[in-house]
């Protein structure tokens, strides 16, 4: 008995990294830089988006709850219900200073986005 498996509903994290993120108006906000995965459940908790800077220099990282991202095949990227102004005030960090994603930091992110 053979089992046929499909990969159309899953994606490698390698392919997610670098994927564009747009707002509902179709404006590109940034790209996915990293995924933060819960060690116990195995679920992706945050997509860390690169935003700002020039050619990767001075680019900040913005953790966004994974549940906010919706994949849009027409855009070939993720869409979030955010605009650039909302993102400007969001929790962020420089690429070389990744914070501990402890309960306090996660709470800050979730509170900002209303989770």
Protein backbone atom coordinates (compact mmCIF):
# COMPACT_ATOMS: atom_id res chain seq x y z
CA UNK A 1 0.00 0.00 0.00
CA UNK A 2 1.56 3.27 -1.06
CA UNK A 3 0.77 6.69 0.33
CA UNK A 4 0.82 9.76 -1.85
CA UNK A 5 1.82 12.89 -0.01
CA UNK A 6 1.24 16.40 -1.19
CA UNK A 7 3.43 19.38 -0.40
CA UNK A 8 1.10 22.02 -1.81
CA UNK A 9 -0.17 23.00 1.65
CA UNK A 10 3.27 23.19 3.25
CA UNK A 11 6.39 25.17 2.42
CA UNK A 12 10.01 24.95 3.42
CA UNK A 13 11.19 27.74 5.70
CA UNK A 14 13.97 28.28 3.19
CA UNK A 15 11.38 29.29 0.60
CA UNK A 16 9.48 31.53 3.03
CA UNK A 17 12.59 33.54 3.86
CA UNK A 18 12.92 36.29 1.28
CA UNK A 19 9.24 36.24 0.35
CA UNK A 20 7.71 39.69 -0.09
CA UNK A 21 5.15 41.06 2.36
CA UNK A 22 2.50 43.51 1.15
CA UNK A 23 -0.24 45.53 2.79
CA UNK A 24 -3.86 45.33 1.63
CA UNK A 25 -3.24 48.23 -0.81
CA UNK A 26 -0.59 46.15 -2.58
CA UNK A 27 2.37 48.18 -1.31
CA UNK A 28 5.46 46.14 -0.52
CA UNK A 29 6.33 46.49 3.15
CA UNK A 30 9.38 44.24 3.28
CA UNK A 31 10.43 40.61 3.13
CA UNK A 32 10.41 37.66 5.51
CA UNK A 33 13.85 37.34 7.10
CA UNK A 34 13.24 34.59 9.63
CA UNK A 35 10.60 32.43 11.30
CA UNK A 36 10.29 31.98 15.05
CA UNK A 37 8.96 28.52 15.89
CA UNK A 38 7.53 27.40 19.20
CA UNK A 39 9.80 24.59 20.44
CA UNK A 40 7.01 22.70 22.18
CA UNK A 41 4.13 22.92 19.71
CA UNK A 42 6.22 23.16 16.54
CA UNK A 43 3.97 25.97 15.29
CA UNK A 44 5.34 29.12 13.69
CA UNK A 45 4.66 31.96 16.12
CA UNK A 46 6.23 34.93 14.33
CA UNK A 47 7.44 35.87 10.89
CA UNK A 48 10.31 38.30 11.28
CA UNK A 49 10.07 40.87 8.52
CA UNK A 50 12.88 43.06 7.22
CA UNK A 51 11.76 46.63 6.72
CA UNK A 52 13.63 49.88 6.13
CA UNK A 53 17.26 50.52 5.40
CA UNK A 54 18.94 50.48 2.02
CA UNK A 55 20.28 47.32 0.35
CA UNK A 56 20.05 45.48 3.65
CA UNK A 57 22.06 48.11 5.55
CA UNK A 58 20.26 49.64 8.52
CA UNK A 59 17.38 47.24 8.06
CA UNK A 60 15.37 46.50 11.18
CA UNK A 61 13.58 43.24 11.96
CA UNK A 62 9.88 43.31 12.86
CA UNK A 63 8.33 40.19 14.40
CA UNK A 64 4.73 39.87 13.23
CA UNK A 65 2.36 37.18 14.55
CA UNK A 66 2.26 34.43 11.93
CA UNK A 67 -1.53 34.33 12.03
CA UNK A 68 -1.64 37.86 10.57
CA UNK A 69 -0.02 36.78 7.31
CA UNK A 70 -2.17 35.45 4.50
CA UNK A 71 -0.53 34.08 1.37
CA UNK A 72 -1.77 35.70 -1.84
CA UNK A 73 -0.99 33.68 -4.96
CA UNK A 74 -1.65 36.68 -7.22
CA UNK A 75 1.01 38.71 -5.36
CA UNK A 76 3.27 35.68 -4.89
CA UNK A 77 3.74 36.95 -1.36
CA UNK A 78 2.13 37.46 2.02
CA UNK A 79 -0.41 40.15 2.81
CA UNK A 80 -0.80 41.71 6.25
CA UNK A 81 -3.49 44.12 7.48
CA UNK A 82 -0.87 46.79 8.28
CA UNK A 83 0.28 50.01 6.76
CA UNK A 84 3.77 51.51 6.93
CA UNK A 85 2.77 53.89 9.74
CA UNK A 86 1.56 51.04 11.96
CA UNK A 87 4.74 49.11 11.20
CA UNK A 88 6.95 52.09 12.04
CA UNK A 89 5.77 51.96 15.68
CA UNK A 90 5.93 48.17 15.98
CA UNK A 91 8.37 46.22 18.18
CA UNK A 92 11.63 45.79 16.28
CA UNK A 93 15.33 45.12 16.63
CA UNK A 94 18.53 45.41 14.63
CA UNK A 95 19.54 42.24 12.81
CA UNK A 96 22.57 41.74 15.03
CA UNK A 97 20.71 42.04 18.33
CA UNK A 98 18.04 39.34 18.32
CA UNK A 99 16.10 39.53 21.60
CA UNK A 100 15.09 36.58 23.73
CA UNK A 101 11.62 35.63 22.64
CA UNK A 102 10.57 35.13 26.24
CA UNK A 103 7.07 35.66 27.63
CA UNK A 104 7.65 39.38 28.21
CA UNK A 105 8.87 40.04 24.66
CA UNK A 106 6.14 37.90 23.11
CA UNK A 107 3.58 39.77 25.21
CA UNK A 108 4.88 43.09 23.87
CA UNK A 109 4.51 41.90 20.28
CA UNK A 110 1.08 40.37 20.82
CA UNK A 111 -0.22 43.42 22.69
CA UNK A 112 0.93 45.76 19.91
CA UNK A 113 -0.94 43.75 17.28
CA UNK A 114 -4.01 43.15 19.46
CA UNK A 115 -3.53 39.45 20.26
